[in-house]
C-alpha atoms as a PDB file:
ATOM      1  CA  MET A   1     166.577  53.753 113.613  1.00  0.00           C
ATOM      2  CA  GLN A   2     168.446  54.984 116.669  1.00  0.00           C
ATOM      3  CA  GLU A   3     166.840  57.803 118.645  1.00  0.00           C
ATOM      4  CA  ILE A   4     168.852  61.042 118.736  1.00  0.00           C
ATOM      5  CA  LYS A   5     169.628  61.974 122.339  1.00  0.00           C
ATOM      6  CA  ARG A   6     171.633  65.191 121.853  1.00  0.00           C
ATOM      7  CA  ILE A   7     172.666  67.659 119.185  1.00  0.00           C
ATOM      8  CA  VAL A   8     176.335  68.591 119.099  1.00  0.00           C
ATOM      9  CA  ILE A   9     177.131  71.910 117.444  1.00  0.00           C
ATOM     10  CA  PRO A  10     180.835  72.492 116.721  1.00  0.00           C
ATOM     11  CA  VAL A  11     181.519  76.211 116.243  1.00  0.00           C
ATOM     12  CA  ASP A  12     184.256  78.611 115.318  1.00  0.00           C
ATOM     13  CA  SER A  13     183.672  82.343 114.962  1.00  0.00           C
ATOM     14  CA  SER A  14     182.326  82.194 111.393  1.00  0.00           C
ATOM     15  CA  ASP A  15     178.926  83.187 110.053  1.00  0.00           C
ATOM     16  CA  ALA A  16     178.475  79.556 108.959  1.00  0.00           C
ATOM     17  CA  SER A  17     178.800  78.496 112.616  1.00  0.00           C
ATOM     18  CA  ARG A  18     176.297  81.102 113.752  1.00  0.00           C
ATOM     19  CA  ILE A  19     173.755  79.854 111.222  1.00  0.00           C
ATOM     20  CA  ALA A  20     174.433  76.209 112.151  1.00  0.00           C
ATOM     21  CA  THR A  21     173.936  77.121 115.815  1.00  0.00           C
ATOM     22  CA  GLU A  22     170.565  78.700 115.095  1.00  0.00           C
ATOM     23  CA  GLN A  23     169.442  75.713 113.030  1.00  0.00           C
ATOM     24  CA  GLY A  24     170.806  73.123 115.478  1.00  0.00           C
ATOM     25  CA  VAL A  25     169.099  74.827 118.407  1.00  0.00           C
ATOM     26  CA  TYR A  26     165.840  74.996 116.468  1.00  0.00           C
ATOM     27  CA  LEU A  27     166.002  71.260 115.724  1.00  0.00           C
ATOM     28  CA  ALA A  28     166.793  70.543 119.384  1.00  0.00           C
ATOM     29  CA  LYS A  29     163.722  72.549 120.411  1.00  0.00           C
ATOM     30  CA  LEU A  30     161.548  70.541 118.008  1.00  0.00           C
ATOM     31  CA  MET A  31     162.996  67.271 119.277  1.00  0.00           C
ATOM     32  CA  ASN A  32     162.980  68.332 122.946  1.00  0.00           C
ATOM     33  CA  ILE A  33     166.656  67.443 123.446  1.00  0.00           C
ATOM     34  CA  ASP A  34     169.749  69.244 124.762  1.00  0.00           C
ATOM     35  CA  VAL A  35     172.580  70.718 122.763  1.00  0.00           C
ATOM     36  CA  SER A  36     176.298  70.587 123.366  1.00  0.00           C
ATOM     37  CA  ILE A  37     178.099  73.517 121.782  1.00  0.00           C
ATOM     38  CA  VAL A  38     181.809  72.903 121.350  1.00  0.00           C
ATOM     39  CA  SER A  39     184.727  74.857 119.983  1.00  0.00           C
ATOM     40  CA  VAL A  40     188.301  73.767 119.468  1.00  0.00           C
ATOM     41  CA  ASN A  41     191.243  76.068 120.073  1.00  0.00           C
ATOM     42  CA  ASP A  42     193.735  74.757 117.547  1.00  0.00           C
ATOM     43  CA  ALA A  43     196.327  77.530 118.014  1.00  0.00           C
ATOM     44  CA  GLU A  44     198.690  75.176 119.844  1.00  0.00           C
ATOM     45  CA  GLN A  45     199.057  73.107 116.668  1.00  0.00           C
ATOM     46  CA  PHE A  46     200.808  76.063 115.087  1.00  0.00           C
ATOM     47  CA  MET A  47     203.702  78.163 116.216  1.00  0.00           C
ATOM     48  CA  VAL A  48     201.894  81.249 117.454  1.00  0.00           C
ATOM     49  CA  SER A  49     202.881  83.752 120.087  1.00  0.00           C
ATOM     50  CA  ALA A  50     201.381  83.529 123.576  1.00  0.00           C
ATOM     51  CA  PRO A  51     199.436  86.814 123.161  1.00  0.00           C
ATOM     52  CA  LEU A  52     197.962  85.622 119.843  1.00  0.00           C
ATOM     53  CA  SER A  53     197.095  82.243 121.361  1.00  0.00           C
ATOM     54  CA  GLU A  54     195.290  83.955 124.244  1.00  0.00           C
ATOM     55  CA  LYS A  55     193.431  86.235 121.821  1.00  0.00           C
ATOM     56  CA  LEU A  56     192.241  83.249 119.779  1.00  0.00           C
ATOM     57  CA  LYS A  57     191.185  81.392 122.932  1.00  0.00           C
ATOM     58  CA  LYS A  58     189.188  84.426 124.114  1.00  0.00           C
ATOM     59  CA  GLU A  59     187.475  84.713 120.702  1.00  0.00           C
ATOM     60  CA  ARG A  60     186.406  81.058 120.940  1.00  0.00           C
ATOM     61  CA  GLN A  61     185.132  81.503 124.508  1.00  0.00           C
ATOM     62  CA  ASP A  62     183.188  84.631 123.538  1.00  0.00           C
ATOM     63  CA  PHE A  63     181.609  82.841 120.582  1.00  0.00           C
ATOM     64  CA  LEU A  64     180.657  79.882 122.796  1.00  0.00           C
ATOM     65  CA  GLN A  65     178.844  82.274 125.131  1.00  0.00           C
ATOM     66  CA  GLU A  66     177.111  83.938 122.187  1.00  0.00           C
ATOM     67  CA  ALA A  67     176.005  80.524 120.898  1.00  0.00           C
ATOM     68  CA  LYS A  68     174.734  79.556 124.361  1.00  0.00           C
ATOM     69  CA  LYS A  69     172.608  82.729 124.407  1.00  0.00           C
ATOM     70  CA  ILE A  70     170.941  81.573 121.182  1.00  0.00           C
ATOM     71  CA  ALA A  71     169.967  78.316 122.924  1.00  0.00           C
ATOM     72  CA  ASP A  72     168.865  80.127 126.086  1.00  0.00           C
ATOM     73  CA  LEU A  73     166.588  82.451 124.084  1.00  0.00           C
ATOM     74  CA  ARG A  74     164.923  79.391 122.511  1.00  0.00           C
ATOM     75  CA  GLY A  75     164.526  77.664 125.874  1.00  0.00           C
ATOM     76  CA  VAL A  76     166.938  74.870 124.943  1.00  0.00           C
ATOM     77  CA  SER A  77     169.300  73.466 127.552  1.00  0.00           C
ATOM     78  CA  ALA A  78     172.875  73.919 126.333  1.00  0.00           C
ATOM     79  CA  SER A  79     176.318  73.056 127.609  1.00  0.00           C
ATOM     80  CA  THR A  80     179.500  74.578 126.208  1.00  0.00           C
ATOM     81  CA  GLU A  81     183.033  73.272 126.064  1.00  0.00           C
ATOM     82  CA  LEU A  82     186.272  74.742 124.756  1.00  0.00           C
ATOM     83  CA  MET A  83     188.682  71.993 123.757  1.00  0.00           C
ATOM     84  CA  THR A  84     192.318  72.164 122.669  1.00  0.00           C
ATOM     85  CA  GLY A  85     193.789  70.200 119.787  1.00  0.00           C
ATOM     86  CA  ALA A  86     192.989  69.269 116.218  1.00  0.00           C
ATOM     87  CA  PRO A  87     189.354  70.223 115.486  1.00  0.00           C
ATOM     88  CA  VAL A  88     188.335  66.998 113.714  1.00  0.00           C
ATOM     89  CA  ASP A  89     189.917  64.755 116.356  1.00  0.00           C
ATOM     90  CA  GLU A  90     188.374  66.653 119.270  1.00  0.00           C
ATOM     91  CA  ILE A  91     184.895  66.823 117.729  1.00  0.00           C
ATOM     92  CA  VAL A  92     184.894  63.095 116.914  1.00  0.00           C
ATOM     93  CA  LYS A  93     186.090  62.231 120.450  1.00  0.00           C
ATOM     94  CA  HIS A  94     183.284  64.353 121.939  1.00  0.00           C
ATOM     95  CA  VAL A  95     180.330  62.694 120.193  1.00  0.00           C
ATOM     96  CA  LYS A  96     178.469  59.470 120.896  1.00  0.00           C
ATOM     97  CA  ASN A  97     176.632  57.094 118.556  1.00  0.00           C
ATOM     98  CA  ASN A  98     173.213  58.568 119.372  1.00  0.00           C
ATOM     99  CA  ASP A  99     174.196  62.221 118.790  1.00  0.00           C
ATOM    100  CA  LEU A 100     173.475  64.376 115.780  1.00  0.00           C
ATOM    101  CA  ILE A 101     176.209  66.791 114.747  1.00  0.00           C
ATOM    102  CA  VAL A 102     174.947  70.017 113.184  1.00  0.00           C
ATOM    103  CA  MET A 103     177.766  72.095 111.784  1.00  0.00           C
ATOM    104  CA  GLY A 104     178.383  74.807 109.261  1.00  0.00           C
ATOM    105  CA  SER A 105     180.462  74.539 106.148  1.00  0.00           C
ATOM    106  CA  GLN A 106     182.416  77.522 104.908  1.00  0.00           C
ATOM    107  CA  GLY A 107     182.506  76.116 101.396  1.00  0.00           C
ATOM    108  CA  LYS A 108     186.239  76.107 100.788  1.00  0.00           C
ATOM    109  CA  THR A 109     187.141  75.164  97.256  1.00  0.00           C
ATOM    110  CA  GLY A 110     190.200  74.716  95.114  1.00  0.00           C
ATOM    111  CA  PHE A 111     193.598  75.393  96.653  1.00  0.00           C
ATOM    112  CA  ASN A 112     192.244  76.304 100.124  1.00  0.00           C
ATOM    113  CA  LYS A 113     190.360  73.016 100.373  1.00  0.00           C
ATOM    114  CA  LEU A 114     193.363  71.067  99.097  1.00  0.00           C
ATOM    115  CA  MET A 115     195.759  72.681 101.573  1.00  0.00           C
ATOM    116  CA  LEU A 116     193.523  73.198 104.583  1.00  0.00           C
ATOM    117  CA  GLY A 117     190.953  70.485 104.070  1.00  0.00           C
ATOM    118  CA  SER A 118     187.391  70.752 105.185  1.00  0.00           C
ATOM    119  CA  VAL A 119     186.698  70.142 108.860  1.00  0.00           C
ATOM    120  CA  SER A 120     183.041  69.399 108.141  1.00  0.00           C
ATOM    121  CA  GLU A 121     183.964  66.905 105.413  1.00  0.00           C
ATOM    122  CA  LYS A 122     186.434  65.088 107.677  1.00  0.00           C
ATOM    123  CA  VAL A 123     183.958  65.026 110.583  1.00  0.00           C
ATOM    124  CA  LEU A 124     181.349  63.594 108.215  1.00  0.00           C
ATOM    125  CA  GLN A 125     183.764  60.793 107.275  1.00  0.00           C
ATOM    126  CA  ARG A 126     184.949  59.966 110.804  1.00  0.00           C
ATOM    127  CA  ALA A 127     182.025  60.604 113.155  1.00  0.00           C
ATOM    128  CA  PRO A 128     180.259  57.583 114.680  1.00  0.00           C
ATOM    129  CA  CYS A 129     176.917  59.400 114.413  1.00  0.00           C
ATOM    130  CA  SER A 130     174.841  61.301 111.872  1.00  0.00           C
ATOM    131  CA  VAL A 131     176.112  64.663 110.655  1.00  0.00           C
ATOM    132  CA  MET A 132     174.067  67.532 109.221  1.00  0.00           C
ATOM    133  CA  ILE A 133     176.073  70.104 107.285  1.00  0.00           C
ATOM    134  CA  ILE A 134     174.488  73.541 107.060  1.00  0.00           C
ATOM    135  CA  LYS A 135     175.557  75.513 104.013  1.00  0.00           C
ATOM    136  CA  PRO A 136     175.128  79.210 104.761  1.00  0.00           C
ATOM    137  CA  ASN A 137     174.351  80.264 101.192  1.00  0.00           C
ATOM    138  CA  ILE A 138     171.675  78.467  99.250  1.00  0.00           C
ATOM    139  CA  SER A 139     171.089  80.286  95.992  1.00  0.00           C
ATOM    140  CA  LEU A 140     170.712  83.951  96.969  1.00  0.00           C
ATOM    141  CA  GLY A 141     169.505  83.487 100.518  1.00  0.00           C
ATOM    142  CA  VAL A 142     170.324  81.717 103.712  1.00  0.00           C
ATOM    143  CA  LEU A 143     169.068  78.238 104.471  1.00  0.00           C
ATOM    144  CA  ASP A 144     166.074  78.670 106.728  1.00  0.00           C
ATOM    145  CA  VAL A 145     165.270  75.363 108.366  1.00  0.00           C
ATOM    146  CA  GLU A 146     162.736  76.964 110.709  1.00  0.00           C
ATOM    147  CA  ASN A 147     160.555  78.341 107.926  1.00  0.00           C
ATOM    148  CA  THR A 148     161.011  75.206 105.827  1.00  0.00           C
ATOM    149  CA  ILE A 149     159.870  72.981 108.702  1.00  0.00           C
ATOM    150  CA  ASP A 150     157.008  75.359 109.558  1.00  0.00           C
ATOM    151  CA  THR A 151     155.888  75.296 105.913  1.00  0.00           C
ATOM    152  CA  MET A 152     156.093  71.500 105.823  1.00  0.00           C
ATOM    153  CA  SER A 153     154.044  71.282 109.031  1.00  0.00           C
ATOM    154  CA  GLN A 154     151.433  73.645 107.615  1.00  0.00           C
ATOM    155  CA  GLN A 155     151.195  71.570 104.443  1.00  0.00           C
ATOM    156  CA  LYS A 156     150.646  68.389 106.488  1.00  0.00           C
ATOM    157  CA  GLU A 157     147.988  70.087 108.592  1.00  0.00           C
ATOM    158  CA  LYS A 158     146.317  71.452 105.453  1.00  0.00           C
ATOM    159  CA  LYS A 159     146.107  67.930 104.023  1.00  0.00           C
ATOM    160  CA  ARG A 160     144.478  66.788 107.257  1.00  0.00           C
ATOM    161  CA  GLY A 161     142.066  69.729 107.122  1.00  0.00           C
ATOM    162  CA  LYS A 162     143.435  71.327 110.300  1.00  0.00           C
ATOM    163  CA  PHE A 163     145.029  74.422 108.793  1.00  0.00           C
ATOM    164  CA  PRO A 164     143.166  77.261 107.083  1.00  0.00           C
END
């Protein structure tokens, strides 16, 4: 098994990305590795006005800074990068074989998925490394990797007689 050297967290401005950022940063902290938080400004693929393009670019930059703050608060070293182009292509070009991609899925279904596709699904198919997809809604709550891992650790310690 190849050792993971870095976690790459592709983000947009969605809640799914925010949750994936939190979970990716938490995993990086556990593994004592850096994160690379990336966002892709895909406005140039479409015919949008210059003011709208600038607004979208600023939203991506603001979200990158917000995501970096999450890493900083956890004491995880993070780099950020805003790329331009097709999201799947840019994300796949950015990663290496020994990375782990942690990304959110917005759960598009039906017509939206058919027409727009799923970035996370396409990254999963094309990436040269492992990909972890974080679904924001599991049942009624939000996936909570931190508490799940803490609970698993406590159960292991309990079996060893080291946890009350």
